């Protein structure tokens, strides 16, 4: 699976602001479970803002890592086969 690091994606959120689905390559990918979530501080000394990280399981069995920053939105950071 080809994935560019930090690829912007459109995300719909559900309860508690957790991602529920995201659009990738023109198709919606439904998230069936949030496997883990945490916050990373970023390189604050370079002015990077914190980001929320969500590792999710999609319908069909693939896992993804989505990052969210208020100023730049959602990014698909990593895909796991």
N, C-alpha and C. Protein backbone atom coordinates (compact mmCIF):
# COMPACT_ATOMS: atom_id res chain seq x y z
N UNK A 1 0.84 -1.17 0.00
CA UNK A 1 0.00 0.00 0.00
C UNK A 1 0.89 1.24 0.00
N UNK A 2 0.69 2.12 -0.96
CA UNK A 2 1.51 3.33 -1.04
C UNK A 2 0.87 4.42 -0.21
N UNK A 3 1.70 5.10 0.56
CA UNK A 3 1.20 6.16 1.42
C UNK A 3 2.26 7.23 1.55
N UNK A 4 1.88 8.46 1.26
CA UNK A 4 2.78 9.58 1.48
C UNK A 4 2.64 10.02 2.93
N UNK A 5 3.73 10.20 3.60
CA UNK A 5 3.73 10.63 4.99
C UNK A 5 3.08 12.00 5.10
N UNK A 6 2.09 12.11 5.97
CA UNK A 6 1.43 13.39 6.20
C UNK A 6 0.44 13.79 5.13
N UNK A 7 -0.16 12.84 4.46
CA UNK A 7 -1.14 13.11 3.42
C UNK A 7 -2.44 13.62 4.05
N UNK A 8 -2.89 14.82 3.64
CA UNK A 8 -4.14 15.38 4.19
C UNK A 8 -5.34 14.54 3.78
N UNK A 9 -6.26 14.34 4.72
CA UNK A 9 -7.48 13.60 4.45
C UNK A 9 -8.67 14.30 5.09
N UNK A 10 -9.84 14.05 4.52
CA UNK A 10 -11.09 14.52 5.09
C UNK A 10 -11.56 13.46 6.08
N UNK A 11 -11.94 13.90 7.27
CA UNK A 11 -12.35 12.97 8.34
C UNK A 11 -13.69 13.39 8.89
N UNK A 12 -14.55 12.41 9.15
CA UNK A 12 -15.77 12.65 9.92
C UNK A 12 -15.51 12.14 11.33
N UNK A 13 -16.00 12.86 12.30
CA UNK A 13 -15.77 12.47 13.69
C UNK A 13 -17.07 12.05 14.33
N UNK A 14 -16.93 11.17 15.32
CA UNK A 14 -18.08 10.68 16.06
C UNK A 14 -17.99 11.15 17.50
N UNK A 15 -18.45 10.30 18.40
CA UNK A 15 -18.49 10.62 19.83
C UNK A 15 -17.10 11.00 20.34
N UNK A 16 -17.05 12.04 21.12
CA UNK A 16 -15.81 12.47 21.76
C UNK A 16 -14.76 13.00 20.80
N UNK A 17 -15.15 13.32 19.58
CA UNK A 17 -14.19 13.83 18.61
C UNK A 17 -13.29 12.77 17.99
N UNK A 18 -13.63 11.51 18.23
CA UNK A 18 -12.85 10.41 17.65
C UNK A 18 -13.20 10.25 16.17
N UNK A 19 -12.21 9.90 15.35
CA UNK A 19 -12.50 9.71 13.93
C UNK A 19 -13.43 8.53 13.69
N UNK A 20 -14.39 8.71 12.79
CA UNK A 20 -15.36 7.66 12.46
C UNK A 20 -15.17 7.13 11.04
N UNK A 21 -14.65 7.98 10.16
CA UNK A 21 -14.39 7.60 8.77
C UNK A 21 -13.46 8.64 8.17
N UNK A 22 -12.75 8.26 7.11
CA UNK A 22 -11.92 9.21 6.38
C UNK A 22 -11.95 8.89 4.90
N UNK A 23 -11.70 9.93 4.11
CA UNK A 23 -11.72 9.78 2.66
C UNK A 23 -10.29 9.60 2.17
N UNK A 24 -10.08 8.49 1.44
CA UNK A 24 -8.76 8.19 0.89
C UNK A 24 -8.92 7.76 -0.56
N UNK A 25 -8.21 8.42 -1.45
CA UNK A 25 -8.26 8.13 -2.87
C UNK A 25 -9.69 8.15 -3.40
N UNK A 26 -10.45 9.14 -2.94
CA UNK A 26 -11.81 9.34 -3.41
C UNK A 26 -12.87 8.44 -2.80
N UNK A 27 -12.47 7.56 -1.88
CA UNK A 27 -13.44 6.63 -1.26
C UNK A 27 -13.43 6.81 0.25
N UNK A 28 -14.59 6.64 0.86
CA UNK A 28 -14.69 6.72 2.31
C UNK A 28 -14.27 5.39 2.92
N UNK A 29 -13.44 5.47 3.94
CA UNK A 29 -12.98 4.30 4.70
C UNK A 29 -13.64 4.38 6.08
N UNK A 30 -14.44 3.39 6.41
CA UNK A 30 -15.16 3.39 7.70
C UNK A 30 -14.25 2.82 8.78
N UNK A 31 -14.19 3.52 9.90
CA UNK A 31 -13.38 3.09 11.05
C UNK A 31 -14.28 2.26 11.96
N UNK A 32 -13.83 1.05 12.29
CA UNK A 32 -14.63 0.18 13.14
C UNK A 32 -14.17 0.20 14.59
N UNK A 33 -12.93 0.63 14.82
CA UNK A 33 -12.43 0.69 16.20
C UNK A 33 -11.24 1.64 16.29
N UNK A 34 -11.21 2.41 17.37
CA UNK A 34 -10.02 3.20 17.69
C UNK A 34 -9.17 2.31 18.59
N UNK A 35 -8.01 1.91 18.09
CA UNK A 35 -7.15 0.97 18.80
C UNK A 35 -6.35 1.66 19.91
N UNK A 36 -5.93 2.88 19.66
CA UNK A 36 -5.12 3.62 20.64
C UNK A 36 -5.19 5.09 20.26
N UNK A 37 -4.96 5.95 21.22
CA UNK A 37 -4.89 7.39 20.96
C UNK A 37 -4.02 8.05 22.01
N UNK A 38 -3.29 9.07 21.58
CA UNK A 38 -2.40 9.80 22.47
C UNK A 38 -2.12 11.17 21.88
N UNK A 39 -1.46 12.00 22.65
CA UNK A 39 -1.08 13.32 22.17
C UNK A 39 0.43 13.43 22.15
N UNK A 40 0.95 13.99 21.06
CA UNK A 40 2.38 14.24 20.93
C UNK A 40 2.61 15.74 20.99
N UNK A 41 3.64 16.12 21.69
CA UNK A 41 3.91 17.55 21.88
C UNK A 41 4.52 18.21 20.66
N UNK A 42 5.13 17.45 19.78
CA UNK A 42 5.80 18.03 18.63
C UNK A 42 7.11 18.67 19.06
N UNK A 43 7.82 19.21 18.11
CA UNK A 43 9.09 19.88 18.42
C UNK A 43 8.77 21.33 18.82
N UNK A 44 8.37 21.50 20.07
CA UNK A 44 7.91 22.80 20.55
C UNK A 44 8.97 23.87 20.37
N UNK A 45 10.24 23.51 20.42
CA UNK A 45 11.32 24.49 20.27
C UNK A 45 11.40 25.03 18.84
N UNK A 46 10.71 24.37 17.90
CA UNK A 46 10.62 24.85 16.53
C UNK A 46 9.25 25.46 16.24
N UNK A 47 8.43 25.56 17.27
CA UNK A 47 7.11 26.15 17.12
C UNK A 47 6.03 25.20 16.67
N UNK A 48 6.30 23.89 16.66
CA UNK A 48 5.27 22.93 16.27
C UNK A 48 4.22 22.82 17.37
N UNK A 49 2.97 22.75 16.96
CA UNK A 49 1.91 22.60 17.94
C UNK A 49 1.69 21.12 18.26
N UNK A 50 1.08 20.82 19.40
CA UNK A 50 0.77 19.43 19.73
C UNK A 50 -0.19 18.83 18.70
N UNK A 51 -0.18 17.51 18.60
CA UNK A 51 -1.10 16.82 17.69
C UNK A 51 -1.69 15.61 18.39
N UNK A 52 -2.95 15.37 18.09
CA UNK A 52 -3.62 14.17 18.57
C UNK A 52 -3.37 13.06 17.57
N UNK A 53 -3.02 11.88 18.07
CA UNK A 53 -2.73 10.73 17.22
C UNK A 53 -3.76 9.64 17.52
N UNK A 54 -4.33 9.07 16.47
CA UNK A 54 -5.32 8.00 16.61
C UNK A 54 -4.88 6.83 15.75
N UNK A 55 -4.67 5.68 16.34
CA UNK A 55 -4.42 4.45 15.58
C UNK A 55 -5.76 3.74 15.48
N UNK A 56 -6.21 3.50 14.25
CA UNK A 56 -7.56 3.00 14.03
C UNK A 56 -7.56 1.73 13.19
N UNK A 57 -8.62 0.96 13.34
CA UNK A 57 -8.85 -0.23 12.54
C UNK A 57 -10.02 0.07 11.61
N UNK A 58 -9.81 -0.14 10.32
CA UNK A 58 -10.83 0.15 9.33
C UNK A 58 -11.58 -1.12 8.95
N UNK A 59 -12.78 -0.93 8.42
CA UNK A 59 -13.54 -2.06 7.87
C UNK A 59 -12.66 -2.69 6.80
N UNK A 60 -12.54 -4.00 6.81
CA UNK A 60 -11.67 -4.68 5.87
C UNK A 60 -10.36 -5.12 6.49
N UNK A 61 -10.06 -4.61 7.71
CA UNK A 61 -8.92 -5.10 8.47
C UNK A 61 -7.65 -4.28 8.44
N UNK A 62 -7.54 -3.26 7.62
CA UNK A 62 -6.33 -2.44 7.59
C UNK A 62 -6.32 -1.48 8.79
N UNK A 63 -5.13 -1.19 9.28
CA UNK A 63 -4.98 -0.24 10.38
C UNK A 63 -4.28 1.01 9.85
N UNK A 64 -4.64 2.15 10.42
CA UNK A 64 -4.09 3.43 9.99
C UNK A 64 -3.76 4.28 11.20
N UNK A 65 -2.87 5.23 11.00
CA UNK A 65 -2.56 6.22 12.03
C UNK A 65 -2.93 7.59 11.47
N UNK A 66 -3.87 8.24 12.14
CA UNK A 66 -4.34 9.57 11.76
C UNK A 66 -3.84 10.59 12.77
N UNK A 67 -3.36 11.73 12.28
CA UNK A 67 -2.92 12.81 13.15
C UNK A 67 -3.86 14.00 12.95
N UNK A 68 -4.09 14.73 14.04
CA UNK A 68 -4.92 15.93 13.94
C UNK A 68 -4.27 17.08 14.69
N UNK A 69 -4.17 18.22 13.98
CA UNK A 69 -3.74 19.47 14.58
C UNK A 69 -4.79 20.52 14.22
N UNK A 70 -5.21 21.31 15.20
CA UNK A 70 -6.26 22.29 14.92
C UNK A 70 -5.94 23.23 13.75
N UNK A 71 -4.68 23.64 13.61
CA UNK A 71 -4.34 24.60 12.56
C UNK A 71 -4.22 23.98 11.18
N UNK A 72 -3.92 22.68 11.10
CA UNK A 72 -3.70 22.08 9.78
C UNK A 72 -4.66 20.94 9.46
N UNK A 73 -5.52 20.55 10.37
CA UNK A 73 -6.52 19.52 10.10
C UNK A 73 -5.98 18.11 10.27
N UNK A 74 -6.60 17.19 9.55
CA UNK A 74 -6.30 15.76 9.66
C UNK A 74 -5.30 15.33 8.61
N UNK A 75 -4.42 14.42 9.02
CA UNK A 75 -3.46 13.84 8.09
C UNK A 75 -3.41 12.33 8.30
N UNK A 76 -3.33 11.62 7.19
CA UNK A 76 -3.10 10.19 7.24
C UNK A 76 -1.59 10.01 7.30
N UNK A 77 -1.11 9.59 8.44
CA UNK A 77 0.33 9.55 8.68
C UNK A 77 0.96 8.21 8.31
N UNK A 78 0.22 7.12 8.52
CA UNK A 78 0.81 5.80 8.31
C UNK A 78 -0.30 4.79 8.05
N UNK A 79 0.00 3.80 7.21
CA UNK A 79 -0.92 2.68 6.96
C UNK A 79 -0.21 1.39 7.32
N UNK A 80 -0.93 0.47 7.94
CA UNK A 80 -0.39 -0.83 8.32
C UNK A 80 -1.20 -1.90 7.60
N UNK A 81 -0.54 -2.80 6.92
CA UNK A 81 -1.24 -3.90 6.25
C UNK A 81 -1.37 -5.08 7.17
